[in-house]
Amino acid sequence: MIIHKEGYKIITNQILIILFTILIINYSWITNVILSVQIILLMLTLNFFRVPKRIFKQQEGLIYAPCDGEVVVIEETQENEYFKDNRIQVSIFMSPLNIHNNLYPISGVINYTKYHKGKFLVAWNPKSSTDNERSSVVIKNNKIEILCRQIAGAVARRIVTYAKNQITVKSCEELGFIKFGSRVDIFLPVGTKIVTELNKKVKGGISIIAKY
């Protein structure tokens, strides 16, 4: 397991604060409580930014989970940002305890990227997909084109996306990171064979969402 690079600055600052507290501490019960809280927060932050070592198979014809979490939506819906037609939406909710790096569901070329400012509704609110701060990425190969959308939530306040237009990516490579809990939506062509289920716990790059 390693610590994700997006957490380096936050973790360094927390460690510096703890060291400063130790230097000035007079071992009263108040300062002991403060120090204990700081250490607990550091442990939680380390847990949040952890990235476990995983072996990815990266097979063609499979759409992998773009993140760890729980499948909360599987439905046909109108996708109005890029495709402007009906798509199958699969949404995965990430709690603050999940791994939070996001991965490409398929291999292909990045055809579109766009960041949208927005609200910070709770991630399970249906309107969060279109109203919240979000970042959309479209990946296309010779068989399928899908949209992957990172969505901020009530707690998540920063989305990081590494995708750039016209670069070639492989499934399970890192797409980005969402800090402190949210969700990822993927929009698939109608008729795509969905193999996951509602309320199922999935692992990014390991669990299979659909086949094409």
N, C-alpha and C. Protein backbone atom coordinates (compact mmCIF):
# COMPACT_ATOMS: atom_id res chain seq x y z
N MET A 1 0.84 -1.19 0.00
CA MET A 1 0.00 0.00 0.00
C MET A 1 0.88 1.25 0.00
N ILE A 2 0.47 2.26 -0.76
CA ILE A 2 1.19 3.53 -0.79
C ILE A 2 0.21 4.66 -0.46
N ILE A 3 0.75 5.86 -0.26
CA ILE A 3 -0.07 7.04 -0.05
C ILE A 3 -0.14 7.82 -1.36
N HIS A 4 -1.34 8.19 -1.75
CA HIS A 4 -1.53 8.90 -3.02
C HIS A 4 -0.87 10.28 -2.96
N LYS A 5 -0.33 10.71 -4.09
CA LYS A 5 0.37 11.99 -4.15
C LYS A 5 -0.52 13.18 -3.80
N GLU A 6 -1.84 13.04 -4.02
CA GLU A 6 -2.75 14.14 -3.70
C GLU A 6 -2.83 14.38 -2.19
N GLY A 7 -2.36 13.43 -1.41
CA GLY A 7 -2.42 13.60 0.04
C GLY A 7 -1.14 14.10 0.67
N TYR A 8 -0.06 14.22 -0.12
CA TYR A 8 1.24 14.58 0.45
C TYR A 8 1.19 15.90 1.22
N LYS A 9 0.63 16.93 0.61
CA LYS A 9 0.63 18.26 1.23
C LYS A 9 -0.19 18.27 2.51
N ILE A 10 -1.38 17.67 2.47
CA ILE A 10 -2.25 17.65 3.64
C ILE A 10 -1.58 16.89 4.78
N ILE A 11 -1.01 15.73 4.47
CA ILE A 11 -0.39 14.90 5.50
C ILE A 11 0.84 15.59 6.09
N THR A 12 1.65 16.22 5.24
CA THR A 12 2.82 16.96 5.72
C THR A 12 2.42 18.07 6.67
N ASN A 13 1.38 18.82 6.32
CA ASN A 13 0.91 19.90 7.18
C ASN A 13 0.41 19.37 8.52
N GLN A 14 -0.29 18.23 8.50
CA GLN A 14 -0.79 17.66 9.74
C GLN A 14 0.36 17.21 10.65
N ILE A 15 1.38 16.61 10.06
CA ILE A 15 2.54 16.18 10.84
C ILE A 15 3.25 17.38 11.45
N LEU A 16 3.40 18.46 10.68
CA LEU A 16 4.05 19.67 11.20
C LEU A 16 3.26 20.26 12.36
N ILE A 17 1.94 20.24 12.25
CA ILE A 17 1.10 20.76 13.34
C ILE A 17 1.27 19.91 14.59
N ILE A 18 1.32 18.58 14.42
CA ILE A 18 1.51 17.68 15.56
C ILE A 18 2.87 17.94 16.23
N LEU A 19 3.91 18.09 15.42
CA LEU A 19 5.24 18.36 15.97
C LEU A 19 5.27 19.70 16.72
N PHE A 20 4.60 20.69 16.16
CA PHE A 20 4.52 22.00 16.83
C PHE A 20 3.79 21.88 18.16
N THR A 21 2.70 21.11 18.17
CA THR A 21 1.94 20.91 19.40
C THR A 21 2.80 20.23 20.47
N ILE A 22 3.59 19.23 20.06
CA ILE A 22 4.46 18.53 21.00
C ILE A 22 5.49 19.48 21.60
N LEU A 23 6.00 20.41 20.77
CA LEU A 23 7.02 21.35 21.24
C LEU A 23 6.47 22.31 22.29
N ILE A 24 5.21 22.71 22.13
CA ILE A 24 4.65 23.71 23.05
C ILE A 24 3.80 23.08 24.15
N ILE A 25 3.60 21.78 24.12
CA ILE A 25 2.68 21.13 25.03
C ILE A 25 3.20 21.22 26.47
N ASN A 26 2.29 21.46 27.39
CA ASN A 26 2.65 21.48 28.80
C ASN A 26 2.02 20.30 29.55
N TYR A 27 1.48 19.38 28.76
CA TYR A 27 0.91 18.13 29.28
C TYR A 27 -0.26 18.35 30.23
N SER A 28 -1.01 19.40 29.99
CA SER A 28 -2.29 19.55 30.67
C SER A 28 -3.30 18.67 29.94
N TRP A 29 -4.41 18.43 30.55
CA TRP A 29 -5.39 17.54 29.93
C TRP A 29 -5.93 18.13 28.62
N ILE A 30 -5.98 19.47 28.56
CA ILE A 30 -6.50 20.11 27.35
C ILE A 30 -5.55 19.87 26.17
N THR A 31 -4.26 20.11 26.38
CA THR A 31 -3.30 19.92 25.30
C THR A 31 -3.18 18.44 24.93
N ASN A 32 -3.35 17.57 25.90
CA ASN A 32 -3.32 16.13 25.60
C ASN A 32 -4.50 15.73 24.71
N VAL A 33 -5.65 16.33 24.98
CA VAL A 33 -6.83 16.06 24.15
C VAL A 33 -6.60 16.59 22.74
N ILE A 34 -6.06 17.80 22.64
CA ILE A 34 -5.79 18.40 21.33
C ILE A 34 -4.82 17.53 20.54
N LEU A 35 -3.76 17.08 21.19
CA LEU A 35 -2.77 16.24 20.52
C LEU A 35 -3.40 14.92 20.07
N SER A 36 -4.24 14.35 20.92
CA SER A 36 -4.90 13.09 20.57
C SER A 36 -5.81 13.25 19.36
N VAL A 37 -6.54 14.36 19.32
CA VAL A 37 -7.43 14.63 18.18
C VAL A 37 -6.60 14.79 16.90
N GLN A 38 -5.48 15.50 16.99
CA GLN A 38 -4.63 15.70 15.82
C GLN A 38 -4.08 14.38 15.29
N ILE A 39 -3.70 13.49 16.20
CA ILE A 39 -3.16 12.19 15.78
C ILE A 39 -4.26 11.34 15.14
N ILE A 40 -5.46 11.39 15.71
CA ILE A 40 -6.59 10.65 15.12
C ILE A 40 -6.89 11.16 13.72
N LEU A 41 -6.90 12.49 13.54
CA LEU A 41 -7.14 13.08 12.22
C LEU A 41 -6.06 12.65 11.22
N LEU A 42 -4.82 12.58 11.69
CA LEU A 42 -3.73 12.13 10.81
C LEU A 42 -3.95 10.68 10.38
N MET A 43 -4.37 9.84 11.31
CA MET A 43 -4.62 8.43 10.97
C MET A 43 -5.76 8.31 9.96
N LEU A 44 -6.81 9.12 10.14
CA LEU A 44 -7.92 9.11 9.20
C LEU A 44 -7.50 9.60 7.82
N THR A 45 -6.65 10.61 7.79
CA THR A 45 -6.17 11.15 6.51
C THR A 45 -5.29 10.12 5.80
N LEU A 46 -4.41 9.46 6.55
CA LEU A 46 -3.58 8.41 5.95
C LEU A 46 -4.45 7.30 5.38
N ASN A 47 -5.51 6.96 6.10
CA ASN A 47 -6.42 5.92 5.64
C ASN A 47 -7.14 6.36 4.37
N PHE A 48 -7.54 7.63 4.31
CA PHE A 48 -8.27 8.14 3.15
C PHE A 48 -7.41 8.14 1.89
N PHE A 49 -6.15 8.52 2.01
CA PHE A 49 -5.28 8.64 0.83
C PHE A 49 -4.51 7.37 0.52
N ARG A 50 -4.86 6.27 1.16
CA ARG A 50 -4.17 5.01 0.88
C ARG A 50 -4.52 4.50 -0.50
N VAL A 51 -3.57 3.87 -1.15
CA VAL A 51 -3.80 3.22 -2.44
C VAL A 51 -3.23 1.82 -2.34
N PRO A 52 -4.07 0.79 -2.28
CA PRO A 52 -3.57 -0.58 -2.14
C PRO A 52 -2.93 -1.07 -3.43
N LYS A 53 -2.01 -1.98 -3.30
CA LYS A 53 -1.38 -2.58 -4.47
C LYS A 53 -2.33 -3.61 -5.07
N ARG A 54 -2.66 -3.43 -6.35
CA ARG A 54 -3.58 -4.35 -7.02
C ARG A 54 -3.01 -4.77 -8.36
N ILE A 55 -3.34 -5.98 -8.76
CA ILE A 55 -2.93 -6.49 -10.07
C ILE A 55 -4.14 -6.41 -10.99
N PHE A 56 -4.02 -5.64 -12.06
CA PHE A 56 -5.13 -5.43 -12.99
C PHE A 56 -4.97 -6.31 -14.23
N LYS A 57 -6.06 -6.96 -14.63
CA LYS A 57 -6.01 -7.84 -15.81
C LYS A 57 -6.15 -7.06 -17.11
N GLN A 58 -6.91 -5.98 -17.12
CA GLN A 58 -7.06 -5.09 -18.27
C GLN A 58 -7.47 -5.84 -19.54
N GLN A 59 -8.55 -6.60 -19.45
CA GLN A 59 -9.04 -7.36 -20.60
C GLN A 59 -9.94 -6.50 -21.48
N GLU A 60 -9.81 -6.66 -22.79
CA GLU A 60 -10.69 -5.96 -23.72
C GLU A 60 -12.11 -6.52 -23.63
N GLY A 61 -13.07 -5.68 -23.93
CA GLY A 61 -14.46 -6.12 -23.90
C GLY A 61 -15.11 -6.01 -22.53
N LEU A 62 -14.33 -5.57 -21.54
CA LEU A 62 -14.86 -5.43 -20.18
C LEU A 62 -14.81 -3.97 -19.75
N ILE A 63 -15.83 -3.56 -19.01
CA ILE A 63 -15.86 -2.21 -18.43
C ILE A 63 -15.68 -2.37 -16.92
N TYR A 64 -14.58 -1.86 -16.43
CA TYR A 64 -14.23 -2.03 -15.02
C TYR A 64 -14.79 -0.90 -14.16
N ALA A 65 -14.98 -1.20 -12.89
CA ALA A 65 -15.40 -0.17 -11.95
C ALA A 65 -14.35 0.94 -11.90
N PRO A 66 -14.76 2.21 -12.04
CA PRO A 66 -13.79 3.30 -12.03
C PRO A 66 -13.33 3.70 -10.63
N CYS A 67 -13.93 3.10 -9.60
CA CYS A 67 -13.56 3.44 -8.23
C CYS A 67 -14.10 2.38 -7.27
N ASP A 68 -13.66 2.43 -6.05
CA ASP A 68 -14.23 1.60 -4.99
C ASP A 68 -15.52 2.24 -4.50
N GLY A 69 -16.47 1.43 -4.07
CA GLY A 69 -17.69 1.98 -3.52
C GLY A 69 -18.87 1.06 -3.68
N GLU A 70 -20.06 1.64 -3.67
CA GLU A 70 -21.31 0.88 -3.77
C GLU A 70 -22.11 1.35 -4.98
N VAL A 71 -22.60 0.42 -5.76
CA VAL A 71 -23.43 0.75 -6.92
C VAL A 71 -24.79 1.24 -6.42
N VAL A 72 -25.11 2.50 -6.73
CA VAL A 72 -26.35 3.09 -6.21
C VAL A 72 -27.36 3.41 -7.32
N VAL A 73 -26.91 3.39 -8.58
CA VAL A 73 -27.83 3.66 -9.70
C VAL A 73 -27.48 2.76 -10.87
N ILE A 74 -28.49 2.11 -11.44
CA ILE A 74 -28.40 1.44 -12.74
C ILE A 74 -29.70 1.75 -13.45
N GLU A 75 -29.67 2.65 -14.43
CA GLU A 75 -30.91 3.03 -15.09
C GLU A 75 -30.63 3.66 -16.44
N GLU A 76 -31.63 3.61 -17.30
CA GLU A 76 -31.53 4.30 -18.59
C GLU A 76 -31.95 5.75 -18.39
N THR A 77 -31.14 6.67 -18.89
CA THR A 77 -31.41 8.07 -18.68
C THR A 77 -30.93 8.89 -19.87
N GLN A 78 -31.38 10.13 -19.94
CA GLN A 78 -30.93 11.04 -21.00
C GLN A 78 -29.61 11.68 -20.59
N GLU A 79 -28.58 11.54 -21.42
CA GLU A 79 -27.28 12.16 -21.14
C GLU A 79 -27.19 13.40 -22.04
N ASN A 80 -27.20 14.59 -21.42
CA ASN A 80 -27.35 15.82 -22.18
C ASN A 80 -26.07 16.61 -22.39
N GLU A 81 -24.97 16.19 -21.79
CA GLU A 81 -23.75 16.98 -21.93
C GLU A 81 -23.00 16.68 -23.22
N TYR A 82 -22.83 15.41 -23.54
CA TYR A 82 -21.98 15.04 -24.68
C TYR A 82 -22.75 14.22 -25.72
N PHE A 83 -23.32 13.11 -25.31
CA PHE A 83 -24.00 12.23 -26.27
C PHE A 83 -25.35 12.79 -26.71
N LYS A 84 -26.06 13.41 -25.75
CA LYS A 84 -27.38 13.98 -26.01
C LYS A 84 -28.36 12.92 -26.54
N ASP A 85 -28.30 11.77 -25.90
CA ASP A 85 -29.25 10.70 -26.20
C ASP A 85 -29.39 9.83 -24.96
N ASN A 86 -30.16 8.77 -25.08
CA ASN A 86 -30.35 7.87 -23.94
C ASN A 86 -29.11 7.00 -23.74
N ARG A 87 -28.75 6.82 -22.49
CA ARG A 87 -27.61 6.00 -22.10
C ARG A 87 -27.97 5.22 -20.85
N ILE A 88 -27.21 4.15 -20.59
CA ILE A 88 -27.35 3.44 -19.33
C ILE A 88 -26.39 4.09 -18.34
N GLN A 89 -26.94 4.61 -17.25
CA GLN A 89 -26.12 5.24 -16.22
C GLN A 89 -25.87 4.25 -15.09
N VAL A 90 -24.61 4.10 -14.74
CA VAL A 90 -24.21 3.31 -13.57
C VAL A 90 -23.45 4.24 -12.64
N SER A 91 -23.93 4.37 -11.41
CA SER A 91 -23.31 5.30 -10.46
C SER A 91 -22.75 4.53 -9.27
N ILE A 92 -21.55 4.92 -8.85
CA ILE A 92 -20.89 4.29 -7.70
C ILE A 92 -20.64 5.35 -6.64
N PHE A 93 -21.17 5.13 -5.46
CA PHE A 93 -20.99 6.06 -4.34
C PHE A 93 -19.77 5.66 -3.53
N MET A 94 -18.91 6.65 -3.25
CA MET A 94 -17.71 6.43 -2.44
C MET A 94 -17.91 7.08 -1.08
N SER A 95 -17.83 6.30 -0.02
CA SER A 95 -17.87 6.87 1.32
C SER A 95 -16.47 7.37 1.67
N PRO A 96 -16.33 8.18 2.72
CA PRO A 96 -14.99 8.64 3.11
C PRO A 96 -14.03 7.51 3.46
N LEU A 97 -14.55 6.30 3.68
CA LEU A 97 -13.69 5.17 4.05
C LEU A 97 -13.18 4.39 2.84
N ASN A 98 -13.73 4.69 1.66
CA ASN A 98 -13.31 3.98 0.45
C ASN A 98 -11.98 4.51 -0.09
N ILE A 99 -11.34 3.69 -0.95
CA ILE A 99 -10.20 4.16 -1.74
C ILE A 99 -10.73 5.22 -2.70
N HIS A 100 -10.02 6.34 -2.88
CA HIS A 100 -10.60 7.44 -3.65
C HIS A 100 -9.88 7.79 -4.94
N ASN A 101 -8.90 7.01 -5.36
CA ASN A 101 -8.36 7.27 -6.69
C ASN A 101 -9.32 6.69 -7.72
N ASN A 102 -9.46 7.36 -8.85
CA ASN A 102 -10.39 6.96 -9.91
C ASN A 102 -9.62 6.42 -11.10
N LEU A 103 -10.16 5.39 -11.74
CA LEU A 103 -9.48 4.68 -12.82
C LEU A 103 -10.30 4.72 -14.11
N TYR A 104 -9.62 4.58 -15.24
CA TYR A 104 -10.33 4.51 -16.52
C TYR A 104 -11.06 3.17 -16.60
N PRO A 105 -12.35 3.18 -16.93
CA PRO A 105 -13.11 1.92 -17.03
C PRO A 105 -12.72 1.08 -18.24
N ILE A 106 -12.27 1.75 -19.33
CA ILE A 106 -11.89 1.04 -20.56
C ILE A 106 -10.61 1.66 -21.13
N SER A 107 -10.02 0.97 -22.08
CA SER A 107 -8.90 1.54 -22.84
C SER A 107 -9.44 2.31 -24.04
N GLY A 108 -8.69 3.32 -24.48
CA GLY A 108 -9.12 4.07 -25.65
C GLY A 108 -8.46 5.43 -25.72
N VAL A 109 -9.04 6.31 -26.50
CA VAL A 109 -8.55 7.67 -26.68
C VAL A 109 -9.50 8.64 -26.00
N ILE A 110 -8.95 9.64 -25.31
CA ILE A 110 -9.78 10.65 -24.68
C ILE A 110 -10.30 11.60 -25.75
N ASN A 111 -11.63 11.62 -25.92
CA ASN A 111 -12.25 12.47 -26.95
C ASN A 111 -12.77 13.79 -26.40
N TYR A 112 -12.93 13.86 -25.07
CA TYR A 112 -13.58 15.04 -24.49
C TYR A 112 -13.28 15.11 -23.01
N THR A 113 -12.96 16.29 -22.52
CA THR A 113 -12.84 16.53 -21.08
C THR A 113 -13.43 17.89 -20.77
N LYS A 114 -14.13 17.99 -19.67
CA LYS A 114 -14.68 19.29 -19.27
C LYS A 114 -14.96 19.31 -17.77
N TYR A 115 -14.51 20.38 -17.13
CA TYR A 115 -14.77 20.60 -15.71
C TYR A 115 -15.92 21.59 -15.56
N HIS A 116 -16.85 21.29 -14.65
CA HIS A 116 -18.01 22.14 -14.42
C HIS A 116 -18.04 22.59 -12.96
N LYS A 117 -18.13 23.88 -12.73
CA LYS A 117 -18.39 24.35 -11.38
C LYS A 117 -19.84 24.06 -11.04
N GLY A 118 -20.15 23.91 -9.75
CA GLY A 118 -21.52 23.61 -9.39
C GLY A 118 -21.75 23.58 -7.90
N LYS A 119 -22.83 22.95 -7.52
CA LYS A 119 -23.23 22.86 -6.11
C LYS A 119 -22.50 21.71 -5.43
N PHE A 120 -22.82 21.53 -4.14
CA PHE A 120 -22.24 20.42 -3.37
C PHE A 120 -23.37 19.68 -2.66
N LEU A 121 -24.34 19.21 -3.46
CA LEU A 121 -25.43 18.40 -2.91
C LEU A 121 -24.87 17.06 -2.46
N VAL A 122 -25.58 16.39 -1.56
CA VAL A 122 -25.15 15.06 -1.14
C VAL A 122 -25.05 14.17 -2.37
N ALA A 123 -24.06 13.29 -2.40
CA ALA A 123 -23.73 12.55 -3.62
C ALA A 123 -24.84 11.62 -4.08
N TRP A 124 -25.71 11.17 -3.17
CA TRP A 124 -26.77 10.24 -3.60
C TRP A 124 -28.01 10.97 -4.12
N ASN A 125 -28.01 12.30 -4.08
CA ASN A 125 -29.10 13.07 -4.66
C ASN A 125 -29.04 12.93 -6.18
N PRO A 126 -30.14 12.53 -6.85
CA PRO A 126 -30.11 12.35 -8.31
C PRO A 126 -29.64 13.59 -9.06
N LYS A 127 -29.91 14.80 -8.52
CA LYS A 127 -29.51 16.03 -9.19
C LYS A 127 -28.01 16.29 -9.11
N SER A 128 -27.30 15.55 -8.25
CA SER A 128 -25.86 15.80 -8.11
C SER A 128 -25.11 15.52 -9.41
N SER A 129 -25.64 14.62 -10.25
CA SER A 129 -24.97 14.27 -11.50
C SER A 129 -24.91 15.44 -12.47
N THR A 130 -25.90 16.35 -12.38
CA THR A 130 -25.96 17.47 -13.32
C THR A 130 -25.78 18.82 -12.65
N ASP A 131 -25.99 18.92 -11.32
CA ASP A 131 -25.94 20.21 -10.64
C ASP A 131 -24.67 20.42 -9.83
N ASN A 132 -24.01 19.33 -9.42
CA ASN A 132 -22.83 19.47 -8.56
C ASN A 132 -21.57 19.81 -9.36
N GLU A 133 -20.54 20.26 -8.63
CA GLU A 133 -19.23 20.38 -9.25
C GLU A 133 -18.84 19.01 -9.78
N ARG A 134 -18.32 18.97 -11.03
CA ARG A 134 -18.08 17.68 -11.65
C ARG A 134 -17.06 17.81 -12.78
N SER A 135 -16.52 16.68 -13.17
CA SER A 135 -15.57 16.65 -14.28
C SER A 135 -15.93 15.46 -15.17
N SER A 136 -16.11 15.72 -16.46
CA SER A 136 -16.53 14.67 -17.40
C SER A 136 -15.39 14.30 -18.34
N VAL A 137 -15.25 13.00 -18.59
CA VAL A 137 -14.22 12.49 -19.50
C VAL A 137 -14.86 11.46 -20.41
N VAL A 138 -14.64 11.57 -21.72
CA VAL A 138 -15.17 10.60 -22.68
C VAL A 138 -14.01 9.79 -23.25
N ILE A 139 -14.15 8.47 -23.17
CA ILE A 139 -13.13 7.55 -23.70
C ILE A 139 -13.75 6.74 -24.83
N LYS A 140 -13.03 6.63 -25.96
CA LYS A 140 -13.54 5.89 -27.10
C LYS A 140 -12.48 4.93 -27.63
N ASN A 141 -12.93 3.70 -27.94
CA ASN A 141 -12.08 2.76 -28.68
C ASN A 141 -12.84 2.30 -29.92
N ASN A 142 -12.37 1.27 -30.59
CA ASN A 142 -13.01 0.88 -31.86
C ASN A 142 -14.32 0.13 -31.67
N LYS A 143 -14.73 -0.08 -30.40
CA LYS A 143 -15.98 -0.81 -30.16
C LYS A 143 -17.00 -0.03 -29.33
N ILE A 144 -16.53 0.91 -28.53
CA ILE A 144 -17.46 1.57 -27.61
C ILE A 144 -16.95 2.95 -27.26
N GLU A 145 -17.88 3.85 -26.92
CA GLU A 145 -17.55 5.18 -26.42
C GLU A 145 -18.37 5.42 -25.16
N ILE A 146 -17.70 5.79 -24.07
CA ILE A 146 -18.41 5.99 -22.80
C ILE A 146 -17.99 7.32 -22.17
N LEU A 147 -18.87 7.82 -21.30
CA LEU A 147 -18.56 9.02 -20.54
C LEU A 147 -18.40 8.64 -19.08
N CYS A 148 -17.34 9.12 -18.46
CA CYS A 148 -17.08 8.89 -17.05
C CYS A 148 -17.10 10.24 -16.35
N ARG A 149 -17.92 10.38 -15.32
CA ARG A 149 -18.10 11.69 -14.67
C ARG A 149 -17.77 11.60 -13.18
N GLN A 150 -16.79 12.38 -12.76
CA GLN A 150 -16.45 12.50 -11.34
C GLN A 150 -17.32 13.60 -10.74
N ILE A 151 -17.95 13.31 -9.61
CA ILE A 151 -18.90 14.25 -9.03
C ILE A 151 -18.55 14.55 -7.58
N ALA A 152 -18.46 15.83 -7.25
CA ALA A 152 -18.22 16.24 -5.87
C ALA A 152 -19.50 16.05 -5.06
N GLY A 153 -19.36 16.00 -3.74
CA GLY A 153 -20.51 15.83 -2.87
C GLY A 153 -20.53 16.89 -1.78
N ALA A 154 -21.33 16.64 -0.74
CA ALA A 154 -21.45 17.60 0.35
C ALA A 154 -20.14 17.74 1.12
N VAL A 155 -19.35 16.67 1.16
CA VAL A 155 -18.06 16.70 1.87
C VAL A 155 -16.92 16.91 0.89
N ALA A 156 -17.00 16.23 -0.26
CA ALA A 156 -15.93 16.36 -1.26
C ALA A 156 -15.89 17.77 -1.82
N ARG A 157 -14.73 18.39 -1.82
CA ARG A 157 -14.63 19.77 -2.27
C ARG A 157 -13.56 19.95 -3.34
N ARG A 158 -12.95 18.87 -3.77
CA ARG A 158 -11.96 19.03 -4.82
C ARG A 158 -11.91 17.80 -5.70
N ILE A 159 -12.04 18.01 -7.00
CA ILE A 159 -11.91 16.96 -7.99
C ILE A 159 -10.61 17.16 -8.74
N VAL A 160 -9.84 16.10 -8.87
CA VAL A 160 -8.61 16.13 -9.65
C VAL A 160 -8.78 15.20 -10.83
N THR A 161 -8.54 15.69 -12.05
CA THR A 161 -8.66 14.88 -13.26
C THR A 161 -7.36 14.98 -14.05
N TYR A 162 -6.78 13.82 -14.38
CA TYR A 162 -5.51 13.80 -15.11
C TYR A 162 -5.71 13.67 -16.63
N ALA A 163 -6.92 13.40 -17.06
CA ALA A 163 -7.18 13.16 -18.49
C ALA A 163 -6.95 14.42 -19.32
N LYS A 164 -6.41 14.22 -20.53
CA LYS A 164 -6.23 15.30 -21.49
C LYS A 164 -6.71 14.83 -22.85
N ASN A 165 -7.28 15.73 -23.61
CA ASN A 165 -7.83 15.38 -24.92
C ASN A 165 -6.79 14.73 -25.83
N GLN A 166 -7.24 13.67 -26.51
CA GLN A 166 -6.49 12.97 -27.55
C GLN A 166 -5.33 12.11 -27.05
N ILE A 167 -5.20 11.94 -25.73
CA ILE A 167 -4.20 10.99 -25.25
C ILE A 167 -4.80 9.60 -25.24
N THR A 168 -3.96 8.60 -25.39
CA THR A 168 -4.40 7.20 -25.34
C THR A 168 -4.20 6.68 -23.93
N VAL A 169 -5.23 6.03 -23.40
CA VAL A 169 -5.16 5.51 -22.03
C VAL A 169 -5.52 4.03 -22.02
N LYS A 170 -5.15 3.36 -20.96
CA LYS A 170 -5.49 1.95 -20.78
C LYS A 170 -6.44 1.80 -19.61
N SER A 171 -7.30 0.81 -19.68
CA SER A 171 -8.21 0.54 -18.58
C SER A 171 -7.42 0.32 -17.30
N CYS A 172 -7.96 0.82 -16.20
CA CYS A 172 -7.38 0.68 -14.86
C CYS A 172 -6.21 1.61 -14.59
N GLU A 173 -5.79 2.42 -15.60
CA GLU A 173 -4.84 3.48 -15.31
C GLU A 173 -5.57 4.60 -14.57
N GLU A 174 -4.80 5.44 -13.90
CA GLU A 174 -5.42 6.44 -13.03
C GLU A 174 -6.01 7.61 -13.83
N LEU A 175 -7.29 7.85 -13.60
CA LEU A 175 -8.01 8.96 -14.22
C LEU A 175 -7.93 10.21 -13.37
N GLY A 176 -8.01 10.06 -12.04
CA GLY A 176 -7.99 11.22 -11.16
C GLY A 176 -8.26 10.82 -9.73
N PHE A 177 -8.71 11.81 -8.95
CA PHE A 177 -8.92 11.62 -7.51
C PHE A 177 -10.01 12.58 -7.05
N ILE A 178 -10.87 12.11 -6.15
CA ILE A 178 -11.87 12.98 -5.53
C ILE A 178 -11.61 12.98 -4.03
N LYS A 179 -11.44 14.15 -3.46
CA LYS A 179 -11.08 14.24 -2.05
C LYS A 179 -12.30 14.25 -1.14
N PHE A 180 -12.33 13.26 -0.26
CA PHE A 180 -13.28 13.16 0.86
C PHE A 180 -14.70 12.80 0.48
N GLY A 181 -14.86 11.78 -0.33
CA GLY A 181 -16.15 11.15 -0.53
C GLY A 181 -17.03 11.76 -1.60
N SER A 182 -17.55 10.95 -2.49
CA SER A 182 -18.46 11.43 -3.52
C SER A 182 -18.92 10.26 -4.38
N ARG A 183 -19.03 10.47 -5.71
CA ARG A 183 -19.46 9.38 -6.58
C ARG A 183 -18.90 9.55 -7.98
N VAL A 184 -18.94 8.45 -8.73
CA VAL A 184 -18.53 8.46 -10.13
C VAL A 184 -19.66 7.84 -10.94
N ASP A 185 -20.09 8.52 -12.00
CA ASP A 185 -21.10 8.00 -12.93
C ASP A 185 -20.41 7.57 -14.22
N ILE A 186 -20.87 6.48 -14.80
CA ILE A 186 -20.46 6.15 -16.16
C ILE A 186 -21.71 5.98 -17.01
N PHE A 187 -21.62 6.48 -18.25
CA PHE A 187 -22.76 6.43 -19.18
C PHE A 187 -22.38 5.53 -20.35
N LEU A 188 -23.15 4.46 -20.52
CA LEU A 188 -22.85 3.41 -21.49
C LEU A 188 -23.92 3.37 -22.58
N PRO A 189 -23.58 2.88 -23.77
CA PRO A 189 -24.59 2.75 -24.82
C PRO A 189 -25.74 1.84 -24.38
N VAL A 190 -26.94 2.21 -24.78
CA VAL A 190 -28.09 1.34 -24.50
C VAL A 190 -27.86 -0.01 -25.17
N GLY A 191 -28.08 -1.08 -24.44
CA GLY A 191 -27.84 -2.42 -24.96
C GLY A 191 -26.57 -3.04 -24.39
N THR A 192 -25.73 -2.22 -23.73
CA THR A 192 -24.53 -2.77 -23.09
C THR A 192 -24.95 -3.77 -22.01
N LYS A 193 -24.26 -4.88 -21.94
CA LYS A 193 -24.62 -5.92 -20.98
C LYS A 193 -24.07 -5.57 -19.60
N ILE A 194 -24.97 -5.20 -18.69
CA ILE A 194 -24.58 -4.86 -17.32
C ILE A 194 -24.44 -6.15 -16.51
N VAL A 195 -23.34 -6.30 -15.82
CA VAL A 195 -23.11 -7.52 -15.04
C VAL A 195 -23.01 -7.24 -13.54
N THR A 196 -23.09 -5.96 -13.16
CA THR A 196 -23.10 -5.64 -11.74
C THR A 196 -24.54 -5.51 -11.26
N GLU A 197 -24.74 -5.23 -9.98
CA GLU A 197 -26.09 -5.13 -9.41
C GLU A 197 -26.17 -3.93 -8.47
N LEU A 198 -27.39 -3.45 -8.24
CA LEU A 198 -27.60 -2.39 -7.27
C LEU A 198 -27.14 -2.83 -5.88
N ASN A 199 -26.56 -1.91 -5.14
CA ASN A 199 -26.09 -2.11 -3.77
C ASN A 199 -24.87 -3.03 -3.66
N LYS A 200 -24.29 -3.38 -4.80
CA LYS A 200 -23.11 -4.23 -4.77
C LYS A 200 -21.87 -3.41 -4.46
N LYS A 201 -21.01 -3.94 -3.61
CA LYS A 201 -19.73 -3.31 -3.32
C LYS A 201 -18.75 -3.67 -4.43
N VAL A 202 -18.08 -2.66 -4.98
CA VAL A 202 -17.16 -2.90 -6.09
C VAL A 202 -15.78 -2.33 -5.76
N LYS A 203 -14.77 -2.84 -6.47
CA LYS A 203 -13.41 -2.37 -6.31
C LYS A 203 -12.91 -1.82 -7.65
N GLY A 204 -12.32 -0.64 -7.60
CA GLY A 204 -11.84 0.00 -8.81
C GLY A 204 -10.79 -0.83 -9.54
N GLY A 205 -11.02 -1.04 -10.84
CA GLY A 205 -10.07 -1.78 -11.66
C GLY A 205 -10.14 -3.29 -11.49
N ILE A 206 -10.94 -3.75 -10.55
CA ILE A 206 -11.06 -5.20 -10.27
C ILE A 206 -12.46 -5.69 -10.64
N SER A 207 -13.47 -5.03 -10.11
CA SER A 207 -14.86 -5.44 -10.36
C SER A 207 -15.28 -5.07 -11.77
N ILE A 208 -16.05 -5.94 -12.39
CA ILE A 208 -16.54 -5.71 -13.76
C ILE A 208 -17.95 -5.13 -13.69
N ILE A 209 -18.14 -3.99 -14.35
CA ILE A 209 -19.45 -3.33 -14.37
C ILE A 209 -20.30 -3.83 -15.52
N ALA A 210 -19.68 -3.99 -16.70
CA ALA A 210 -20.43 -4.38 -17.90
C ALA A 210 -19.48 -5.01 -18.92
N LYS A 211 -20.09 -5.59 -19.97
CA LYS A 211 -19.34 -6.19 -21.07
C LYS A 211 -19.83 -5.57 -22.38
N TYR A 212 -18.95 -5.50 -23.36
CA TYR A 212 -19.34 -4.97 -24.68
C TYR A 212 -18.68 -5.76 -25.79
